[in-house]
Amino acid sequence: MGNDPIRLILQDGTTFTGKSFGYPGSIAGEVVFNTAMTGYPESLTDPSYCGQILVLTYPLIGNYGVPDDKNPEEIFRFFESDHLHISGLVIADYSEEYSHWSANESLGNWLRKNKVPGITGVDTRQITKILRDRGSMLGKLVYQENDVPFYDPNLDNLVSRVSTKEIKEYGNGQYRIMLVDCGVKFNIIRNLAKRDTRVIRVPWDYDFSGGDWDGLFISNGPGDPKMCKATIENLKKTLNTGKPIMGICLGNQLLALASGADTYKLKYGHRGHNQPVLMAGTNKAFITSQNHGFAIDENTLTKDWKPYFINLNDHTNEGIIHNILPVFSVQFHPEASGGPTDTEFLFDEFLRMVEKYKKGNQ
C-alpha cells in the first residue's frame, strides 16, 4: 500500500485527508455509508452502488482479502455482479495482511485493478455522523492535487448503465421466470434457479408484457426509479393480467409507480445488514439487509394495494402487496449475501404463486 495523500471532500466543504490504498486517481459521486460488519466483496460488486462513494462504518476492512472468482460457470460464486460498481471506497483502517480460505488477492490490489480509488486513515464515524445529520451528499476523492468537479449520479439513468445488454438464461426448471435486470444481484438469480425455475434475464427496457412466462421478477438497481420509464410502462401493461409478479428494492419502487403511487428520496437511505422490518398487520419482525436511497410514499397507495412490510427504525414503507392479484414486492433484500437470510422464504411464496398460476392455466 502506498502512502500517497488523498482527500475526501464533501459538497459542504468538509474535508478529510488520508492515504490512498486503491487506484491512484480522483473520482466524484454521491457519498453514502454502509453499517455492515462483513461482506465488502458483495457490497462493492452490488450494482445498486453505481455512482456512489461508499463509506464502510466497520473500522477494520480488508482482513479477509478478496476471493478468487476468475472462472465462473454461469455467474460468479462470491460476487454480486461481474465487476465493481462503486465509484470510490472510504474506510478507517485498512488491513494490509489478509487471511481467508477463499482469498486470492488484497482489497487494495482489487481496487487498483478495477480503477477504483480508496482512502484509509480517516474518521468514518465522523463522516457517518455528518451524513446522518445532513443526509447523503455529493463528494469526491481527490488524489494528490488532481481535482475533479462534483457529480450527481441521480441525474442519470444508472439502470441503463448496469443492466444486461442481451437476453441470458439460467437453470432448466419447469417454471419460466422473466427477470427484468435493473441491476440484478447474482444471488437473486441463484435463489430463483435453485427453485425449479428457468430464469430469462432481460434488459431493463425489454417489453415483457406479452411474453411467454409463468412469473415476472423485477430486480434491484441504482438511482431514481422514475428514470426507468420504459420498465414502468411495461409493468402497467402487465399488472392486471393475473400473472404472478415479485419485485425487490428498486423493483418495489417501480411496481408502486406502475400502480399509481409515488416515490421520494430518503434523507440518507438504508444501507446495512441488520435493518428490522415488521410484516404489516402482524407481530412478526424480521432482520434484513438493505441498500436503497429512495422509498415508496405509502400515503399515495391506491385502494387495490396495502403495505406489506414496515421499517421499524423510521416507519418507512418496506413492501407492498396487491389485495387480490398474486403481486407483491419488498424494499429489502431477501437474497442477502452475506446475510441475513431471515426473509428468503419470500422466494418460496413467489414460487407458490407461480405454481398455482401455471396449474390454473394449463
Protein backbone atom coordinates (compact mmCIF):
# COMPACT_ATOMS: atom_id res chain seq x y z
CA MET A 1 0.00 0.00 0.00
CA GLY A 2 1.28 3.40 -0.91
CA ASN A 3 1.23 6.47 1.30
CA ASP A 4 0.16 8.96 -1.34
CA PRO A 5 -2.17 11.65 0.02
CA ILE A 6 -5.83 11.60 -0.98
CA ARG A 7 -8.74 13.72 0.26
CA LEU A 8 -12.45 13.10 0.68
CA ILE A 9 -14.19 16.42 0.05
CA LEU A 10 -17.91 16.68 0.80
CA GLN A 11 -20.14 19.12 -1.05
CA ASP A 12 -20.44 21.31 2.05
CA GLY A 13 -16.67 21.77 2.03
CA THR A 14 -15.84 19.35 4.85
CA THR A 15 -12.52 17.68 4.03
CA PHE A 16 -10.87 14.51 5.32
CA THR A 17 -7.24 13.76 4.45
CA GLY A 18 -5.97 10.19 4.38
CA LYS A 19 -3.84 7.73 2.48
CA SER A 20 -4.56 6.18 -0.88
CA PHE A 21 -4.80 2.39 -0.92
CA GLY A 22 -6.71 1.88 -4.17
CA TYR A 23 -6.39 3.23 -7.69
CA PRO A 24 -4.24 6.40 -7.86
CA GLY A 25 -6.89 8.69 -9.31
CA SER A 26 -9.73 11.10 -8.49
CA ILE A 27 -13.46 10.41 -8.68
CA ALA A 28 -16.77 12.12 -7.81
CA GLY A 29 -20.15 10.74 -6.81
CA GLU A 30 -22.74 10.53 -4.03
CA VAL A 31 -21.32 9.70 -0.59
CA VAL A 32 -23.28 7.03 1.31
CA PHE A 33 -22.50 4.76 4.25
CA ASN A 34 -22.97 1.04 4.96
CA THR A 35 -23.14 -0.32 8.52
CA ALA A 36 -22.36 -3.99 7.74
CA MET A 37 -19.51 -5.72 9.58
CA THR A 38 -18.78 -8.17 6.75
CA GLY A 39 -19.49 -8.59 3.06
CA TYR A 40 -17.37 -5.92 1.37
CA PRO A 41 -16.73 -8.05 -1.79
CA GLU A 42 -20.51 -8.39 -2.18
CA SER A 43 -21.18 -4.70 -1.48
CA LEU A 44 -18.51 -3.42 -3.86
CA THR A 45 -19.95 -5.54 -6.70
CA ASP A 46 -23.58 -4.59 -5.95
CA PRO A 47 -24.96 -2.62 -8.96
CA SER A 48 -27.15 -0.61 -6.58
CA TYR A 49 -23.99 1.29 -5.54
CA CYS A 50 -23.32 2.55 -9.07
CA GLY A 51 -22.11 6.15 -9.00
CA GLN A 52 -21.60 6.18 -5.24
CA ILE A 53 -18.61 6.69 -2.94
CA LEU A 54 -19.11 4.08 -0.23
CA VAL A 55 -18.17 4.69 3.40
CA LEU A 56 -17.82 1.45 5.40
CA THR A 57 -18.50 2.17 9.07
CA TYR A 58 -16.94 -1.04 10.41
CA PRO A 59 -13.40 0.03 11.39
CA LEU A 60 -11.39 -2.96 10.10
CA ILE A 61 -11.63 -3.68 6.37
CA GLY A 62 -9.52 -5.92 4.14
CA ASN A 63 -8.60 -8.56 6.70
CA TYR A 64 -10.08 -11.44 4.68
CA GLY A 65 -8.96 -10.22 1.27
CA VAL A 66 -10.90 -10.82 -1.93
CA PRO A 67 -11.99 -14.27 -3.15
CA ASP A 68 -10.92 -15.85 -6.44
CA ASP A 69 -13.77 -15.75 -8.96
CA LYS A 70 -11.80 -15.91 -12.21
CA ASN A 71 -13.63 -18.88 -13.71
CA PRO A 72 -17.37 -18.67 -13.07
CA GLU A 73 -19.57 -21.23 -14.79
CA GLU A 74 -22.64 -19.04 -15.34
CA ILE A 75 -22.49 -16.41 -12.62
CA PHE A 76 -19.76 -15.55 -10.15
CA ARG A 77 -19.73 -17.65 -6.99
CA PHE A 78 -18.79 -14.98 -4.45
CA PHE A 79 -19.62 -11.63 -6.07
CA GLU A 80 -22.96 -9.93 -6.81
CA SER A 81 -22.04 -8.95 -10.39
CA ASP A 82 -19.15 -9.35 -12.80
CA HIS A 83 -17.33 -6.14 -11.79
CA LEU A 84 -17.08 -3.39 -9.16
CA HIS A 85 -19.80 -0.73 -9.25
CA ILE A 86 -18.79 1.70 -6.52
CA SER A 87 -17.01 4.87 -7.61
CA GLY A 88 -14.78 5.05 -4.54
CA LEU A 89 -14.23 3.46 -1.13
CA VAL A 90 -13.75 5.15 2.26
CA ILE A 91 -12.54 3.15 5.29
CA ALA A 92 -10.98 3.85 8.68
CA ASP A 93 -8.32 1.16 8.97
CA TYR A 94 -7.07 -0.91 6.03
CA SER A 95 -5.65 -4.33 6.83
CA GLU A 96 -2.69 -4.93 4.53
CA GLU A 97 -2.37 -8.54 5.70
CA TYR A 98 -5.28 -10.80 4.82
CA SER A 99 -6.17 -14.41 5.50
CA HIS A 100 -9.13 -16.50 4.33
CA TRP A 101 -9.55 -19.88 2.65
CA SER A 102 -11.12 -18.25 -0.43
CA ALA A 103 -8.79 -15.22 -0.64
CA ASN A 104 -6.86 -14.65 -3.83
CA GLU A 105 -5.67 -11.04 -3.52
CA SER A 106 -5.78 -7.99 -1.29
CA LEU A 107 -8.61 -5.47 -1.31
CA GLY A 108 -6.18 -2.71 -2.33
CA ASN A 109 -4.92 -4.68 -5.31
CA TRP A 110 -8.50 -5.45 -6.38
CA LEU A 111 -9.38 -1.75 -6.28
CA ARG A 112 -6.29 -0.82 -8.29
CA LYS A 113 -7.02 -3.42 -10.98
CA ASN A 114 -10.56 -2.09 -11.33
CA LYS A 115 -9.54 1.59 -11.22
CA VAL A 116 -11.47 2.39 -8.03
CA PRO A 117 -9.85 4.95 -5.68
CA GLY A 118 -9.77 4.20 -1.97
CA ILE A 119 -8.95 6.27 1.11
CA THR A 120 -7.96 4.97 4.56
CA GLY A 121 -6.89 6.62 7.82
CA VAL A 122 -9.96 8.85 8.13
CA ASP A 123 -12.61 9.01 10.86
CA THR A 124 -15.54 7.15 9.30
CA ARG A 125 -17.58 7.67 12.48
CA GLN A 126 -17.44 11.43 11.99
CA ILE A 127 -18.27 11.09 8.29
CA THR A 128 -21.27 8.91 9.15
CA LYS A 129 -22.48 11.43 11.74
CA ILE A 130 -22.33 14.18 9.12
CA LEU A 131 -24.29 12.09 6.61
CA ARG A 132 -26.88 11.08 9.22
CA ASP A 133 -27.34 14.73 10.25
CA ARG A 134 -27.35 16.35 6.82
CA GLY A 135 -28.25 13.40 4.61
CA SER A 136 -26.43 11.77 1.74
CA MET A 137 -24.44 14.37 -0.15
CA LEU A 138 -22.19 14.69 -3.14
CA GLY A 139 -18.48 14.27 -2.63
CA LYS A 140 -15.23 13.47 -4.35
CA LEU A 141 -11.98 11.66 -3.73
CA VAL A 142 -9.12 13.90 -4.85
CA TYR A 143 -5.83 12.09 -5.36
CA GLN A 144 -2.87 14.39 -4.66
CA GLU A 145 -3.85 17.62 -6.46
CA ASN A 146 -5.85 16.12 -9.36
CA ASP A 147 -9.17 17.82 -8.62
CA VAL A 148 -12.45 16.88 -10.34
CA PRO A 149 -15.91 18.54 -10.33
CA PHE A 150 -18.77 17.24 -8.19
CA TYR A 151 -21.12 14.78 -9.91
CA ASP A 152 -24.71 13.82 -9.02
CA PRO A 153 -25.36 10.26 -10.27
CA ASN A 154 -29.08 10.54 -9.51
CA LEU A 155 -29.48 12.86 -12.51
CA ASP A 156 -28.52 9.99 -14.83
CA ASN A 157 -30.32 6.78 -15.74
CA LEU A 158 -27.97 4.48 -13.84
CA VAL A 159 -30.13 1.45 -14.54
CA SER A 160 -29.37 1.65 -18.26
CA ARG A 161 -25.68 1.64 -17.32
CA VAL A 162 -25.75 -1.53 -15.19
CA SER A 163 -28.47 -3.61 -16.88
CA THR A 164 -27.60 -6.52 -19.16
CA LYS A 165 -27.42 -5.68 -22.86
CA GLU A 166 -28.57 -9.12 -24.03
CA ILE A 167 -31.01 -11.84 -23.05
CA LYS A 168 -29.45 -14.58 -20.89
CA GLU A 169 -30.89 -17.79 -19.43
CA TYR A 170 -30.08 -19.74 -16.26
CA GLY A 171 -31.34 -23.10 -14.99
CA ASN A 172 -33.62 -25.64 -16.65
CA GLY A 173 -36.57 -25.88 -14.24
CA GLN A 174 -40.23 -26.17 -15.18
CA TYR A 175 -41.25 -22.60 -14.27
CA ARG A 176 -40.28 -19.81 -16.66
CA ILE A 177 -39.36 -16.65 -14.73
CA MET A 178 -38.90 -13.41 -16.64
CA LEU A 179 -36.23 -11.46 -14.73
CA VAL A 180 -36.08 -7.76 -15.58
CA ASP A 181 -32.48 -6.75 -14.91
CA CYS A 182 -32.37 -3.24 -13.45
CA GLY A 183 -29.02 -4.01 -11.84
CA VAL A 184 -29.69 -7.52 -10.56
CA LYS A 185 -27.60 -9.08 -7.81
CA PHE A 186 -26.36 -12.55 -8.69
CA ASN A 187 -27.81 -14.04 -5.52
CA ILE A 188 -31.31 -13.27 -6.80
CA ILE A 189 -30.55 -15.45 -9.82
CA ARG A 190 -29.09 -18.16 -7.55
CA ASN A 191 -32.21 -18.15 -5.36
CA LEU A 192 -34.55 -18.40 -8.32
CA ALA A 193 -32.52 -21.01 -10.22
CA LYS A 194 -32.41 -23.42 -7.27
CA ARG A 195 -36.21 -23.38 -7.04
CA ASP A 196 -37.06 -25.40 -10.16
CA THR A 197 -37.05 -22.39 -12.48
CA ARG A 198 -35.71 -21.35 -15.82
CA VAL A 199 -34.65 -17.71 -15.45
CA ILE A 200 -34.78 -15.49 -18.55
CA ARG A 201 -32.79 -12.34 -17.76
CA VAL A 202 -33.70 -9.38 -19.97
CA PRO A 203 -32.63 -5.71 -20.22
CA TRP A 204 -34.42 -3.10 -18.14
CA ASP A 205 -36.30 -1.65 -21.14
CA TYR A 206 -37.30 -5.01 -22.67
CA ASP A 207 -41.04 -5.29 -23.43
CA PHE A 208 -42.02 -8.30 -21.32
CA SER A 209 -45.76 -7.52 -21.31
CA GLY A 210 -46.70 -10.11 -23.92
CA GLY A 211 -44.03 -12.69 -23.15
CA ASP A 212 -44.35 -16.43 -22.58
CA TRP A 213 -43.51 -16.68 -18.90
CA ASP A 214 -45.05 -18.02 -15.69
CA GLY A 215 -43.80 -15.35 -13.31
CA LEU A 216 -42.26 -11.87 -13.55
CA PHE A 217 -39.43 -10.70 -11.31
CA ILE A 218 -38.28 -7.05 -11.12
CA SER A 219 -34.76 -6.73 -9.72
CA ASN A 220 -32.92 -4.25 -7.54
CA GLY A 221 -30.91 -1.44 -9.09
CA PRO A 222 -29.40 2.03 -8.58
CA GLY A 223 -30.69 5.57 -8.72
CA ASP A 224 -34.06 7.28 -9.03
CA PRO A 225 -36.81 4.80 -10.03
CA LYS A 226 -38.60 7.50 -12.02
CA MET A 227 -35.77 7.31 -14.57
CA CYS A 228 -36.98 3.83 -15.59
CA LYS A 229 -39.93 5.00 -17.69
CA ALA A 230 -39.83 2.02 -20.07
CA THR A 231 -39.96 -0.52 -17.22
CA ILE A 232 -42.83 1.35 -15.55
CA GLU A 233 -44.85 1.43 -18.76
CA ASN A 234 -44.30 -2.28 -19.39
CA LEU A 235 -45.36 -3.02 -15.81
CA LYS A 236 -48.55 -1.02 -16.30
CA LYS A 237 -49.42 -3.23 -19.27
CA THR A 238 -48.73 -6.38 -17.24
CA LEU A 239 -50.19 -5.68 -13.78
CA ASN A 240 -53.78 -6.72 -14.45
CA THR A 241 -53.03 -9.91 -16.39
CA GLY A 242 -53.22 -12.03 -13.24
CA LYS A 243 -49.69 -13.35 -13.64
CA PRO A 244 -47.50 -13.52 -10.51
CA ILE A 245 -45.08 -10.62 -10.04
CA MET A 246 -42.39 -10.06 -7.40
CA GLY A 247 -40.04 -7.12 -7.00
CA ILE A 248 -37.02 -6.39 -4.81
CA CYS A 249 -35.61 -2.97 -3.84
CA LEU A 250 -35.84 -0.80 -6.98
CA GLY A 251 -38.38 -3.36 -8.21
CA ASN A 252 -40.54 -2.45 -5.22
CA GLN A 253 -40.48 1.22 -6.20
CA LEU A 254 -41.11 0.51 -9.89
CA LEU A 255 -44.13 -1.63 -9.04
CA ALA A 256 -45.50 1.19 -6.88
CA LEU A 257 -45.01 3.76 -9.63
CA ALA A 258 -46.72 1.48 -12.15
CA SER A 259 -49.67 1.09 -9.77
CA GLY A 260 -50.14 4.86 -9.49
CA ALA A 261 -48.28 5.52 -6.24
CA ASP A 262 -45.33 7.87 -5.77
CA THR A 263 -41.73 7.60 -4.52
CA TYR A 264 -39.34 10.02 -2.81
CA LYS A 265 -35.65 10.28 -1.90
CA LEU A 266 -34.72 9.30 1.64
CA LYS A 267 -32.51 11.57 3.74
CA TYR A 268 -29.58 9.17 3.86
CA GLY A 269 -31.05 5.86 2.69
CA HIS A 270 -30.98 2.45 4.33
CA ARG A 271 -27.75 0.52 3.86
CA GLY A 272 -26.67 -2.30 6.14
CA HIS A 273 -27.23 -5.90 7.20
CA ASN A 274 -29.41 -5.55 10.29
CA GLN A 275 -32.45 -3.44 9.48
CA PRO A 276 -35.59 -4.59 11.36
CA VAL A 277 -38.90 -4.74 9.48
CA LEU A 278 -42.42 -5.67 10.58
CA MET A 279 -44.89 -7.63 8.46
CA ALA A 280 -47.86 -5.25 8.39
CA GLY A 281 -50.86 -6.35 10.42
CA THR A 282 -48.86 -8.92 12.40
CA ASN A 283 -46.36 -9.07 15.25
CA LYS A 284 -43.78 -10.79 13.03
CA ALA A 285 -40.47 -8.93 12.77
CA PHE A 286 -37.51 -9.82 10.57
CA ILE A 287 -33.89 -8.72 10.32
CA THR A 288 -32.99 -7.68 6.78
CA SER A 289 -30.21 -6.41 4.54
CA GLN A 290 -30.92 -3.16 2.70
CA ASN A 291 -29.39 -0.84 0.13
CA HIS A 292 -31.59 1.93 -1.22
CA GLY A 293 -31.84 5.70 -1.31
CA PHE A 294 -35.49 6.03 -2.37
CA ALA A 295 -38.76 4.80 -0.84
CA ILE A 296 -42.47 4.47 -1.58
CA ASP A 297 -44.79 7.19 -0.29
CA GLU A 298 -47.27 4.93 1.49
CA ASN A 299 -49.91 7.69 1.56
CA THR A 300 -50.17 7.52 -2.24
CA LEU A 301 -51.01 3.80 -2.49
CA THR A 302 -54.25 3.20 -4.40
CA LYS A 303 -57.17 1.21 -2.94
CA ASP A 304 -56.04 -2.06 -4.55
CA TRP A 305 -52.77 -2.09 -2.61
CA LYS A 306 -51.67 -2.26 1.00
CA PRO A 307 -48.36 -2.12 2.89
CA TYR A 308 -46.60 -5.49 3.22
CA PHE A 309 -43.65 -4.57 5.47
CA ILE A 310 -42.75 -1.52 7.57
CA ASN A 311 -39.28 -0.36 8.69
CA LEU A 312 -39.17 -0.48 12.49
CA ASN A 313 -36.49 2.22 12.72
CA ASP A 314 -38.19 5.07 10.85
CA HIS A 315 -41.57 3.51 9.85
CA THR A 316 -40.97 3.96 6.13
CA ASN A 317 -42.51 1.51 3.69
CA GLU A 318 -40.64 -1.76 3.10
CA GLY A 319 -43.00 -3.52 0.71
CA ILE A 320 -46.44 -3.58 -0.91
CA ILE A 321 -48.89 -6.34 -1.80
CA HIS A 322 -51.98 -6.39 -4.03
CA ASN A 323 -55.28 -7.08 -2.31
CA ILE A 324 -56.39 -9.63 -4.91
CA LEU A 325 -53.73 -10.35 -7.52
CA PRO A 326 -50.61 -12.52 -6.89
CA VAL A 327 -48.35 -9.47 -6.90
CA PHE A 328 -46.01 -8.21 -4.17
CA SER A 329 -42.65 -6.52 -3.68
CA VAL A 330 -40.22 -5.75 -0.87
CA GLN A 331 -37.74 -2.95 -0.33
CA PHE A 332 -35.15 -5.08 1.49
CA HIS A 333 -33.05 -7.97 0.16
CA PRO A 334 -34.34 -11.47 1.00
CA GLU A 335 -31.46 -12.86 -1.09
CA ALA A 336 -28.88 -11.04 1.05
CA SER A 337 -25.31 -12.25 0.72
CA GLY A 338 -23.63 -12.27 3.24
CA GLY A 339 -26.90 -12.29 5.11
CA PRO A 340 -29.13 -12.20 6.99
CA THR A 341 -31.41 -14.70 5.24
CA ASP A 342 -34.45 -14.40 7.53
CA THR A 343 -36.76 -13.44 4.64
CA GLU A 344 -35.54 -15.87 1.98
CA PHE A 345 -38.93 -17.60 2.36
CA LEU A 346 -40.39 -14.85 0.15
CA PHE A 347 -38.87 -16.61 -2.87
CA ASP A 348 -40.89 -19.69 -1.87
CA GLU A 349 -44.01 -17.55 -1.57
CA PHE A 350 -43.44 -16.25 -5.08
CA LEU A 351 -42.89 -19.74 -6.50
CA ARG A 352 -46.09 -20.99 -4.84
CA MET A 353 -47.94 -18.21 -6.64
CA VAL A 354 -46.24 -19.20 -9.91
CA GLU A 355 -47.10 -22.87 -9.44
CA LYS A 356 -50.74 -22.05 -8.67
CA TYR A 357 -51.00 -19.77 -11.69
CA LYS A 358 -49.46 -22.32 -14.06
CA LYS A 359 -51.70 -25.15 -12.86
CA GLY A 360 -54.78 -22.96 -13.30
CA ASN A 361 -53.82 -22.04 -16.87
CA GLN A 362 -52.82 -25.41 -18.32
